Amino acid sequence: YDAPGSSVERAHLLADVIDNLAMDSTFYQKRALTFPL
């Protein structure tokens, strides 16, 4: 299903989020996150 907002520009896979936080607790406070507007 091609759900609205499921594309790479906006969606962050939960499994990847878990892996990123396991490697670096503050990953999402430091990382530049691009998004469409």
Full PDB file with SEQRES, HELIX, SHEET, SSBOND, CRYST1, ORIGX, SCALE, CONECT and MASTER records, all heavy atoms in Angstrom:
SEQRES   1 A   37  TYR ASP ALA PRO GLY SER SER VAL GLU ARG ALA HIS LEU          
SEQRES   2 A   37  LEU ALA ASP VAL ILE ASP ASN LEU ALA MET ASP SER THR          
SEQRES   3 A   37  PHE TYR GLN LYS ARG ALA LEU THR PHE PRO LEU                  
HELIX    1 AA1 LEU A   14  MET A   23  1                                  10    
HELIX    2 AA2 PHE A   27  LYS A   30  1                                   4    
CRYST1    1.000    1.000    1.000  90.00  90.00  90.00 P 1           1          
ORIGX1      1.000000  0.000000  0.000000        0.00000                         
ORIGX2      0.000000  1.000000  0.000000        0.00000                         
ORIGX3      0.000000  0.000000  1.000000        0.00000                         
SCALE1      1.000000  0.000000  0.000000        0.00000                         
SCALE2      0.000000  1.000000  0.000000        0.00000                         
SCALE3      0.000000  0.000000  1.000000        0.00000                         
ATOM      1  N   TYR A   1       0.843  -1.196   0.000  1.00  0.00           N  
ATOM      2  CA  TYR A   1       0.000   0.000   0.000  1.00  0.00           C  
ATOM      3  C   TYR A   1       0.880   1.248   0.000  1.00  0.00           C  
ATOM      4  O   TYR A   1       1.730   1.424   0.871  1.00  0.00           O  
ATOM      5  CB  TYR A   1      -0.916  -0.019   1.224  1.00  0.00           C  
ATOM      6  CG  TYR A   1      -1.773   1.199   1.402  1.00  0.00           C  
ATOM      7  CD1 TYR A   1      -2.496   1.744   0.344  1.00  0.00           C  
ATOM      8  CD2 TYR A   1      -1.898   1.810   2.641  1.00  0.00           C  
ATOM      9  CE1 TYR A   1      -3.306   2.862   0.514  1.00  0.00           C  
ATOM     10  CE2 TYR A   1      -2.700   2.923   2.825  1.00  0.00           C  
ATOM     11  CZ  TYR A   1      -3.388   3.442   1.753  1.00  0.00           C  
ATOM     12  OH  TYR A   1      -4.172   4.553   1.938  1.00  0.00           O  
ATOM     13  N   ASP A   2       0.675   2.110  -0.963  1.00  0.00           N  
ATOM     14  CA  ASP A   2       1.433   3.356  -1.063  1.00  0.00           C  
ATOM     15  C   ASP A   2       0.728   4.419  -0.212  1.00  0.00           C  
ATOM     16  O   ASP A   2       0.069   5.315  -0.732  1.00  0.00           O  
ATOM     17  CB  ASP A   2       1.536   3.783  -2.532  1.00  0.00           C  
ATOM     18  CG  ASP A   2       2.476   4.956  -2.725  1.00  0.00           C  
ATOM     19  OD1 ASP A   2       3.320   5.197  -1.842  1.00  0.00           O  
ATOM     20  OD2 ASP A   2       2.346   5.641  -3.755  1.00  0.00           O  
ATOM     21  N   ALA A   3       0.872   4.286   1.074  1.00  0.00           N  
ATOM     22  CA  ALA A   3       0.189   5.184   2.011  1.00  0.00           C  
ATOM     23  C   ALA A   3       0.781   6.589   1.939  1.00  0.00           C  
ATOM     24  O   ALA A   3       1.982   6.742   1.687  1.00  0.00           O  
ATOM     25  CB  ALA A   3       0.314   4.647   3.434  1.00  0.00           C  
ATOM     26  N   PRO A   4      -0.043   7.618   2.158  1.00  0.00           N  
ATOM     27  CA  PRO A   4       0.480   8.983   2.183  1.00  0.00           C  
ATOM     28  C   PRO A   4       1.591   9.106   3.233  1.00  0.00           C  
ATOM     29  O   PRO A   4       1.428   8.643   4.355  1.00  0.00           O  
ATOM     30  CB  PRO A   4      -0.725   9.827   2.578  1.00  0.00           C  
ATOM     31  CG  PRO A   4      -1.914   8.980   2.271  1.00  0.00           C  
ATOM     32  CD  PRO A   4      -1.473   7.553   2.426  1.00  0.00           C  
ATOM     33  N   GLY A   5       2.721   9.668   2.839  1.00  0.00           N  
ATOM     34  CA  GLY A   5       3.817   9.872   3.781  1.00  0.00           C  
ATOM     35  C   GLY A   5       4.678   8.653   4.032  1.00  0.00           C  
ATOM     36  O   GLY A   5       5.503   8.658   4.937  1.00  0.00           O  
ATOM     37  N   SER A   6       4.492   7.588   3.244  1.00  0.00           N  
ATOM     38  CA  SER A   6       5.293   6.385   3.478  1.00  0.00           C  
ATOM     39  C   SER A   6       6.584   6.386   2.665  1.00  0.00           C  
ATOM     40  O   SER A   6       7.375   5.454   2.751  1.00  0.00           O  
ATOM     41  CB  SER A   6       4.482   5.123   3.158  1.00  0.00           C  
ATOM     42  OG  SER A   6       4.156   5.067   1.781  1.00  0.00           O  
ATOM     43  N   SER A   7       6.832   7.448   1.919  1.00  0.00           N  
ATOM     44  CA  SER A   7       8.041   7.520   1.094  1.00  0.00           C  
ATOM     45  C   SER A   7       9.251   7.905   1.948  1.00  0.00           C  
ATOM     46  O   SER A   7       9.129   8.376   3.076  1.00  0.00           O  
ATOM     47  CB  SER A   7       7.843   8.524  -0.033  1.00  0.00           C  
ATOM     48  OG  SER A   7       7.598   9.803   0.506  1.00  0.00           O  
ATOM     49  N   VAL A   8      10.408   7.718   1.372  1.00  0.00           N  
ATOM     50  CA  VAL A   8      11.678   7.949   2.054  1.00  0.00           C  
ATOM     51  C   VAL A   8      11.816   9.350   2.635  1.00  0.00           C  
ATOM     52  O   VAL A   8      12.419   9.527   3.680  1.00  0.00           O  
ATOM     53  CB  VAL A   8      12.830   7.656   1.057  1.00  0.00           C  
ATOM     54  CG1 VAL A   8      14.126   8.301   1.460  1.00  0.00           C  
ATOM     55  CG2 VAL A   8      13.004   6.164   0.908  1.00  0.00           C  
ATOM     56  N   GLU A   9      11.244  10.347   1.975  1.00  0.00           N  
ATOM     57  CA  GLU A   9      11.419  11.722   2.437  1.00  0.00           C  
ATOM     58  C   GLU A   9      10.830  11.971   3.816  1.00  0.00           C  
ATOM     59  O   GLU A   9      11.251  12.865   4.525  1.00  0.00           O  
ATOM     60  CB  GLU A   9      10.778  12.714   1.453  1.00  0.00           C  
ATOM     61  CG  GLU A   9      11.407  12.720   0.091  1.00  0.00           C  
ATOM     62  CD  GLU A   9      10.845  11.630  -0.814  1.00  0.00           C  
ATOM     63  OE1 GLU A   9       9.775  11.067  -0.517  1.00  0.00           O  
ATOM     64  OE2 GLU A   9      11.505  11.335  -1.815  1.00  0.00           O  
ATOM     65  N   ARG A  10       9.850  11.192   4.203  1.00  0.00           N  
ATOM     66  CA  ARG A  10       9.133  11.476   5.442  1.00  0.00           C  
ATOM     67  C   ARG A  10       9.114  10.314   6.418  1.00  0.00           C  
ATOM     68  O   ARG A  10       8.973  10.505   7.618  1.00  0.00           O  
ATOM     69  CB  ARG A  10       7.697  11.857   5.079  1.00  0.00           C  
ATOM     70  CG  ARG A  10       7.095  12.708   6.133  1.00  0.00           C  
ATOM     71  CD  ARG A  10       5.910  13.481   5.682  1.00  0.00           C  
ATOM     72  NE  ARG A  10       5.191  13.801   6.898  1.00  0.00           N  
ATOM     73  CZ  ARG A  10       3.908  13.708   7.056  1.00  0.00           C  
ATOM     74  NH1 ARG A  10       3.152  13.368   6.057  1.00  0.00           N  
ATOM     75  NH2 ARG A  10       3.366  13.990   8.200  1.00  0.00           N  
ATOM     76  N   ALA A  11       9.251   9.090   5.921  1.00  0.00           N  
ATOM     77  CA  ALA A  11       9.109   7.898   6.763  1.00  0.00           C  
ATOM     78  C   ALA A  11      10.462   7.402   7.259  1.00  0.00           C  
ATOM     79  O   ALA A  11      11.420   7.316   6.497  1.00  0.00           O  
ATOM     80  CB  ALA A  11       8.398   6.799   5.979  1.00  0.00           C  
ATOM     81  N   HIS A  12      10.514   7.074   8.540  1.00  0.00           N  
ATOM     82  CA  HIS A  12      11.697   6.492   9.166  1.00  0.00           C  
ATOM     83  C   HIS A  12      11.280   5.140   9.723  1.00  0.00           C  
ATOM     84  O   HIS A  12      10.427   5.074  10.623  1.00  0.00           O  
ATOM     85  CB  HIS A  12      12.223   7.403  10.277  1.00  0.00           C  
ATOM     86  CG  HIS A  12      12.670   8.733   9.764  1.00  0.00           C  
ATOM     87  ND1 HIS A  12      13.980   9.020   9.488  1.00  0.00           N  
ATOM     88  CD2 HIS A  12      11.954   9.841   9.428  1.00  0.00           C  
ATOM     89  CE1 HIS A  12      14.072  10.253   9.020  1.00  0.00           C  
ATOM     90  NE2 HIS A  12      12.852  10.766   8.966  1.00  0.00           N  
ATOM     91  N   LEU A  13      11.847   4.074   9.164  1.00  0.00           N  
ATOM     92  CA  LEU A  13      11.459   2.732   9.577  1.00  0.00           C  
ATOM     93  C   LEU A  13      11.767   2.512  11.057  1.00  0.00           C  
ATOM     94  O   LEU A  13      12.856   2.854  11.533  1.00  0.00           O  
ATOM     95  CB  LEU A  13      12.175   1.680   8.730  1.00  0.00           C  
ATOM     96  CG  LEU A  13      11.834   1.677   7.243  1.00  0.00           C  
ATOM     97  CD1 LEU A  13      12.708   0.663   6.504  1.00  0.00           C  
ATOM     98  CD2 LEU A  13      10.355   1.379   7.030  1.00  0.00           C  
ATOM     99  N   LEU A  14      10.806   1.939  11.771  1.00  0.00           N  
ATOM    100  CA  LEU A  14      10.968   1.738  13.211  1.00  0.00           C  
ATOM    101  C   LEU A  14      12.179   0.861  13.517  1.00  0.00           C  
ATOM    102  O   LEU A  14      12.912   1.143  14.471  1.00  0.00           O  
ATOM    103  CB  LEU A  14       9.691   1.142  13.817  1.00  0.00           C  
ATOM    104  CG  LEU A  14       9.728   0.884  15.326  1.00  0.00           C  
ATOM    105  CD1 LEU A  14      10.071   2.148  16.112  1.00  0.00           C  
ATOM    106  CD2 LEU A  14       8.399   0.300  15.789  1.00  0.00           C  
ATOM    107  N   ALA A  15      12.422  -0.178  12.739  1.00  0.00           N  
ATOM    108  CA  ALA A  15      13.585  -1.039  12.983  1.00  0.00           C  
ATOM    109  C   ALA A  15      14.883  -0.231  12.871  1.00  0.00           C  
ATOM    110  O   ALA A  15      15.822  -0.433  13.659  1.00  0.00           O  
ATOM    111  CB  ALA A  15      13.591  -2.213  12.011  1.00  0.00           C  
ATOM    112  N   ASP A  16      14.952   0.697  11.918  1.00  0.00           N  
ATOM    113  CA  ASP A  16      16.137   1.549  11.770  1.00  0.00           C  
ATOM    114  C   ASP A  16      16.265   2.526  12.943  1.00  0.00           C  
ATOM    115  O   ASP A  16      17.371   2.778  13.431  1.00  0.00           O  
ATOM    116  CB  ASP A  16      16.077   2.347  10.466  1.00  0.00           C  
ATOM    117  CG  ASP A  16      16.235   1.474   9.229  1.00  0.00           C  
ATOM    118  OD1 ASP A  16      16.657   0.308   9.352  1.00  0.00           O  
ATOM    119  OD2 ASP A  16      15.917   1.973   8.129  1.00  0.00           O  
ATOM    120  N   VAL A  17      15.141   3.063  13.389  1.00  0.00           N  
ATOM    121  CA  VAL A  17      15.152   3.980  14.538  1.00  0.00           C  
ATOM    122  C   VAL A  17      15.701   3.250  15.763  1.00  0.00           C  
ATOM    123  O   VAL A  17      16.565   3.777  16.486  1.00  0.00           O  
ATOM    124  CB  VAL A  17      13.739   4.544  14.806  1.00  0.00           C  
ATOM    125  CG1 VAL A  17      13.693   5.308  16.122  1.00  0.00           C  
ATOM    126  CG2 VAL A  17      13.294   5.433  13.651  1.00  0.00           C  
ATOM    127  N   ILE A  18      15.243   2.033  15.990  1.00  0.00           N  
ATOM    128  CA  ILE A  18      15.720   1.232  17.126  1.00  0.00           C  
ATOM    129  C   ILE A  18      17.226   0.998  17.003  1.00  0.00           C  
ATOM    130  O   ILE A  18      17.978   1.195  17.969  1.00  0.00           O  
ATOM    131  CB  ILE A  18      14.936  -0.099  17.207  1.00  0.00           C  
ATOM    132  CG1 ILE A  18      13.494   0.183  17.652  1.00  0.00           C  
ATOM    133  CG2 ILE A  18      15.627  -1.083  18.154  1.00  0.00           C  
ATOM    134  CD1 ILE A  18      12.551  -1.006  17.524  1.00  0.00           C  
ATOM    135  N   ASP A  19      17.692   0.594  15.823  1.00  0.00           N  
ATOM    136  CA  ASP A  19      19.129   0.355  15.627  1.00  0.00           C  
ATOM    137  C   ASP A  19      19.940   1.628  15.843  1.00  0.00           C  
ATOM    138  O   ASP A  19      20.999   1.596  16.486  1.00  0.00           O  
ATOM    139  CB  ASP A  19      19.399  -0.180  14.217  1.00  0.00           C  
ATOM    140  CG  ASP A  19      18.975  -1.632  14.041  1.00  0.00           C  
ATOM    141  OD1 ASP A  19      18.697  -2.310  15.054  1.00  0.00           O  
ATOM    142  OD2 ASP A  19      18.921  -2.075  12.883  1.00  0.00           O  
ATOM    143  N   ASN A  20      19.466   2.756  15.320  1.00  0.00           N  
ATOM    144  CA  ASN A  20      20.191   4.021  15.474  1.00  0.00           C  
ATOM    145  C   ASN A  20      20.312   4.425  16.940  1.00  0.00           C  
ATOM    146  O   ASN A  20      21.371   4.865  17.389  1.00  0.00           O  
ATOM    147  CB  ASN A  20      19.506   5.130  14.678  1.00  0.00           C  
ATOM    148  CG  ASN A  20      19.650   4.942  13.184  1.00  0.00           C  
ATOM    149  OD1 ASN A  20      20.583   4.287  12.711  1.00  0.00           O  
ATOM    150  ND2 ASN A  20      18.710   5.494  12.435  1.00  0.00           N  
ATOM    151  N   LEU A  21      19.230   4.269  17.701  1.00  0.00           N  
ATOM    152  CA  LEU A  21      19.260   4.631  19.118  1.00  0.00           C  
ATOM    153  C   LEU A  21      20.103   3.655  19.933  1.00  0.00           C  
ATOM    154  O   LEU A  21      20.719   4.046  20.929  1.00  0.00           O  
ATOM    155  CB  LEU A  21      17.842   4.712  19.683  1.00  0.00           C  
ATOM    156  CG  LEU A  21      17.003   5.874  19.160  1.00  0.00           C  
ATOM    157  CD1 LEU A  21      15.561   5.742  19.637  1.00  0.00           C  
ATOM    158  CD2 LEU A  21      17.599   7.208  19.578  1.00  0.00           C  
ATOM    159  N   ALA A  22      20.145   2.394  19.525  1.00  0.00           N  
ATOM    160  CA  ALA A  22      20.980   1.409  20.218  1.00  0.00           C  
ATOM    161  C   ALA A  22      22.465   1.743  20.028  1.00  0.00           C  
ATOM    162  O   ALA A  22      23.279   1.510  20.922  1.00  0.00           O  
ATOM    163  CB  ALA A  22      20.670   0.002  19.709  1.00  0.00           C  
ATOM    164  N   MET A  23      22.816   2.322  18.872  1.00  0.00           N  
ATOM    165  CA  MET A  23      24.211   2.715  18.598  1.00  0.00           C  
ATOM    166  C   MET A  23      24.573   4.037  19.262  1.00  0.00           C  
ATOM    167  O   MET A  23      25.694   4.234  19.702  1.00  0.00           O  
ATOM    168  CB  MET A  23      24.438   2.842  17.090  1.00  0.00           C  
ATOM    169  CG  MET A  23      24.550   1.527  16.377  1.00  0.00           C  
ATOM    170  SD  MET A  23      25.041   1.732  14.659  1.00  0.00           S  
ATOM    171  CE  MET A  23      23.636   2.591  13.967  1.00  0.00           C  
ATOM    172  N   ASP A  24      23.594   4.965  19.308  1.00  0.00           N  
ATOM    173  CA  ASP A  24      23.850   6.312  19.820  1.00  0.00           C  
ATOM    174  C   ASP A  24      22.569   6.837  20.449  1.00  0.00           C  
ATOM    175  O   ASP A  24      21.596   7.139  19.744  1.00  0.00           O  
ATOM    176  CB  ASP A  24      24.305   7.222  18.673  1.00  0.00           C  
ATOM    177  CG  ASP A  24      24.593   8.651  19.114  1.00  0.00           C  
ATOM    178  OD1 ASP A  24      24.304   9.013  20.279  1.00  0.00           O  
ATOM    179  OD2 ASP A  24      25.099   9.410  18.280  1.00  0.00           O  
ATOM    180  N   SER A  25      22.576   6.960  21.760  1.00  0.00           N  
ATOM    181  CA  SER A  25      21.372   7.344  22.500  1.00  0.00           C  
ATOM    182  C   SER A  25      20.768   8.666  22.047  1.00  0.00           C  
ATOM    183  O   SER A  25      19.562   8.864  22.118  1.00  0.00           O  
ATOM    184  CB  SER A  25      21.681   7.415  23.993  1.00  0.00           C  
ATOM    185  OG  SER A  25      20.542   7.814  24.720  1.00  0.00           O  
ATOM    186  N   THR A  26      21.604   9.569  21.574  1.00  0.00           N  
ATOM    187  CA  THR A  26      21.109  10.895  21.185  1.00  0.00           C  
ATOM    188  C   THR A  26      21.129  11.093  19.669  1.00  0.00           C  
ATOM    189  O   THR A  26      21.174  12.231  19.182  1.00  0.00           O  
ATOM    190  CB  THR A  26      21.918  12.008  21.877  1.00  0.00           C  
ATOM    191  OG1 THR A  26      23.300  11.865  21.512  1.00  0.00           O  
ATOM    192  CG2 THR A  26      21.772  11.941  23.397  1.00  0.00           C  
ATOM    193  N   PHE A  27      21.063  10.014  18.930  1.00  0.00           N  
ATOM    194  CA  PHE A  27      21.131  10.049  17.473  1.00  0.00           C  
ATOM    195  C   PHE A  27      20.184  11.083  16.876  1.00  0.00           C  
ATOM    196  O   PHE A  27      20.576  11.886  16.047  1.00  0.00           O  
ATOM    197  CB  PHE A  27      20.806   8.653  16.916  1.00  0.00           C  
ATOM    198  CG  PHE A  27      20.925   8.548  15.423  1.00  0.00           C  
ATOM    199  CD1 PHE A  27      22.134   8.216  14.834  1.00  0.00           C  
ATOM    200  CD2 PHE A  27      19.829   8.751  14.598  1.00  0.00           C  
ATOM    201  CE1 PHE A  27      22.258   8.107  13.454  1.00  0.00           C  
ATOM    202  CE2 PHE A  27      19.934   8.650  13.212  1.00  0.00           C  
ATOM    203  CZ  PHE A  27      21.158   8.326  12.652  1.00  0.00           C  
ATOM    204  N   TYR A  28      18.917  11.084  17.319  1.00  0.00           N  
ATOM    205  CA  TYR A  28      17.910  11.958  16.693  1.00  0.00           C  
ATOM    206  C   TYR A  28      17.937  13.393  17.216  1.00  0.00           C  
ATOM    207  O   TYR A  28      17.290  14.266  16.642  1.00  0.00           O  
ATOM    208  CB  TYR A  28      16.516  11.335  16.789  1.00  0.00           C  
ATOM    209  CG  TYR A  28      16.449  10.124  15.892  1.00  0.00           C  
ATOM    210  CD1 TYR A  28      16.560   8.841  16.396  1.00  0.00           C  
ATOM    211  CD2 TYR A  28      16.352  10.269  14.513  1.00  0.00           C  
ATOM    212  CE1 TYR A  28      16.545   7.734  15.555  1.00  0.00           C  
ATOM    213  CE2 TYR A  28      16.346   9.176  13.661  1.00  0.00           C  
ATOM    214  CZ  TYR A  28      16.445   7.916  14.189  1.00  0.00           C  
ATOM    215  OH  TYR A  28      16.455   6.837  13.352  1.00  0.00           O  
ATOM    216  N   GLN A  29      18.700  13.644  18.265  1.00  0.00           N  
ATOM    217  CA  GLN A  29      18.903  15.033  18.677  1.00  0.00           C  
ATOM    218  C   GLN A  29      20.013  15.676  17.845  1.00  0.00           C  
ATOM    219  O   GLN A  29      20.029  16.887  17.652  1.00  0.00           O  
ATOM    220  CB  GLN A  29      19.289  15.123  20.164  1.00  0.00           C  
ATOM    221  CG  GLN A  29      18.113  14.994  21.109  1.00  0.00           C  
ATOM    222  CD  GLN A  29      17.695  13.545  21.295  1.00  0.00           C  
ATOM    223  OE1 GLN A  29      18.510  12.686  21.558  1.00  0.00           O  
ATOM    224  NE2 GLN A  29      16.417  13.268  21.163  1.00  0.00           N  
ATOM    225  N   LYS A  30      20.946  14.862  17.327  1.00  0.00           N  
ATOM    226  CA  LYS A  30      22.118  15.373  16.614  1.00  0.00           C  
ATOM    227  C   LYS A  30      21.989  15.317  15.100  1.00  0.00           C  
ATOM    228  O   LYS A  30      22.598  16.129  14.412  1.00  0.00           O  
ATOM    229  CB  LYS A  30      23.356  14.566  17.017  1.00  0.00           C  
ATOM    230  CG  LYS A  30      23.700  14.674  18.480  1.00  0.00           C  
ATOM    231  CD  LYS A  30      24.996  13.973  18.820  1.00  0.00           C  
ATOM    232  CE  LYS A  30      24.839  12.496  18.867  1.00  0.00           C  
ATOM    233  NZ  LYS A  30      25.972  11.788  19.456  1.00  0.00           N  
ATOM    234  N   ARG A  31      21.228  14.388  14.601  1.00  0.00           N  
ATOM    235  CA  ARG A  31      21.195  14.147  13.157  1.00  0.00           C  
ATOM    236  C   ARG A  31      20.366  15.197  12.425  1.00  0.00           C  
ATOM    237  O   ARG A  31      19.304  15.599  12.893  1.00  0.00           O  
ATOM    238  CB  ARG A  31      20.581  12.773  12.881  1.00  0.00           C  
ATOM    239  CG  ARG A  31      20.681  12.384  11.419  1.00  0.00           C  
ATOM    240  CD  ARG A  31      20.146  10.975  11.215  1.00  0.00           C  
ATOM    241  NE  ARG A  31      20.377  10.488   9.877  1.00  0.00           N  
ATOM    242  CZ  ARG A  31      19.666  10.865   8.809  1.00  0.00           C  
ATOM    243  NH1 ARG A  31      18.703  11.736   8.928  1.00  0.00           N  
ATOM    244  NH2 ARG A  31      19.937  10.366   7.626  1.00  0.00           N  
ATOM    245  N   ALA A  32      20.862  15.619  11.272  1.00  0.00           N  
ATOM    246  CA  ALA A  32      20.065  16.486  10.400  1.00  0.00           C  
ATOM    247  C   ALA A  32      18.987  15.612   9.757  1.00  0.00           C  
ATOM    248  O   ALA A  32      19.281  14.537   9.235  1.00  0.00           O  
ATOM    249  CB  ALA A  32      20.941  17.108   9.322  1.00  0.00           C  
ATOM    250  N   LEU A  33      17.748  16.037   9.854  1.00  0.00           N  
ATOM    251  CA  LEU A  33      16.635  15.290   9.274  1.00  0.00           C  
ATOM    252  C   LEU A  33      15.968  16.150   8.202  1.00  0.00           C  
ATOM    253  O   LEU A  33      15.454  17.222   8.498  1.00  0.00           O  
ATOM    254  CB  LEU A  33      15.601  14.925  10.352  1.00  0.00           C  
ATOM    255  CG  LEU A  33      16.083  13.977  11.447  1.00  0.00           C  
ATOM    256  CD1 LEU A  33      15.051  13.882  12.563  1.00  0.00           C  
ATOM    257  CD2 LEU A  33      16.370  12.596  10.869  1.00  0.00           C  
ATOM    258  N   THR A  34      16.009  15.676   6.979  1.00  0.00           N  
ATOM    259  CA  THR A  34      15.338  16.404   5.909  1.00  0.00           C  
ATOM    260  C   THR A  34      13.895  15.941   5.815  1.00  0.00           C  
ATOM    261  O   THR A  34      13.571  14.805   6.166  1.00  0.00           O  
ATOM    262  CB  THR A  34      16.044  16.181   4.557  1.00  0.00           C  
ATOM    263  OG1 THR A  34      16.072  14.781   4.283  1.00  0.00           O  
ATOM    264  CG2 THR A  34      17.458  16.718   4.577  1.00  0.00           C  
ATOM    265  N   PHE A  35      13.023  16.830   5.373  1.00  0.00           N  
ATOM    266  CA  PHE A  35      11.614  16.489   5.233  1.00  0.00           C  
ATOM    267  C   PHE A  35      10.983  17.435   4.229  1.00  0.00           C  
ATOM    268  O   PHE A  35      11.418  18.573   4.078  1.00  0.00           O  
ATOM    269  CB  PHE A  35      10.878  16.548   6.581  1.00  0.00           C  
ATOM    270  CG  PHE A  35      11.027  17.852   7.312  1.00  0.00           C  
ATOM    271  CD1 PHE A  35      10.115  18.879   7.120  1.00  0.00           C  
ATOM    272  CD2 PHE A  35      12.078  18.049   8.191  1.00  0.00           C  
ATOM    273  CE1 PHE A  35      10.254  20.078   7.785  1.00  0.00           C  
ATOM    274  CE2 PHE A  35      12.229  19.257   8.862  1.00  0.00           C  
ATOM    275  CZ  PHE A  35      11.312  20.272   8.663  1.00  0.00           C  
ATOM    276  N   PRO A  36       9.963  16.954   3.526  1.00  0.00           N  
ATOM    277  CA  PRO A  36       9.286  17.807   2.547  1.00  0.00           C  
ATOM    278  C   PRO A  36       8.265  18.720   3.217  1.00  0.00           C  
ATOM    279  O   PRO A  36       7.685  18.375   4.244  1.00  0.00           O  
ATOM    280  CB  PRO A  36       8.585  16.797   1.629  1.00  0.00           C  
ATOM    281  CG  PRO A  36       8.303  15.632   2.532  1.00  0.00           C  
ATOM    282  CD  PRO A  36       9.439  15.586   3.520  1.00  0.00           C  
ATOM    283  N   LEU A  37       8.062  19.872   2.625  1.00  0.00           N  
ATOM    284  CA  LEU A  37       7.023  20.805   3.067  1.00  0.00           C  
ATOM    285  C   LEU A  37       6.270  21.306   1.840  1.00  0.00           C  
ATOM    286  O   LEU A  37       6.876  21.585   0.812  1.00  0.00           O  
ATOM    287  CB  LEU A  37       7.639  22.013   3.786  1.00  0.00           C  
ATOM    288  CG  LEU A  37       8.160  21.804   5.187  1.00  0.00           C  
ATOM    289  CD1 LEU A  37       8.878  23.054   5.663  1.00  0.00           C  
ATOM    290  CD2 LEU A  37       7.020  21.465   6.132  1.00  0.00           C  
TER     291      LEU A  37                                                      
MASTER        0    0    0    2    0    0    0    6  290    1    0    3          
END                                                                             
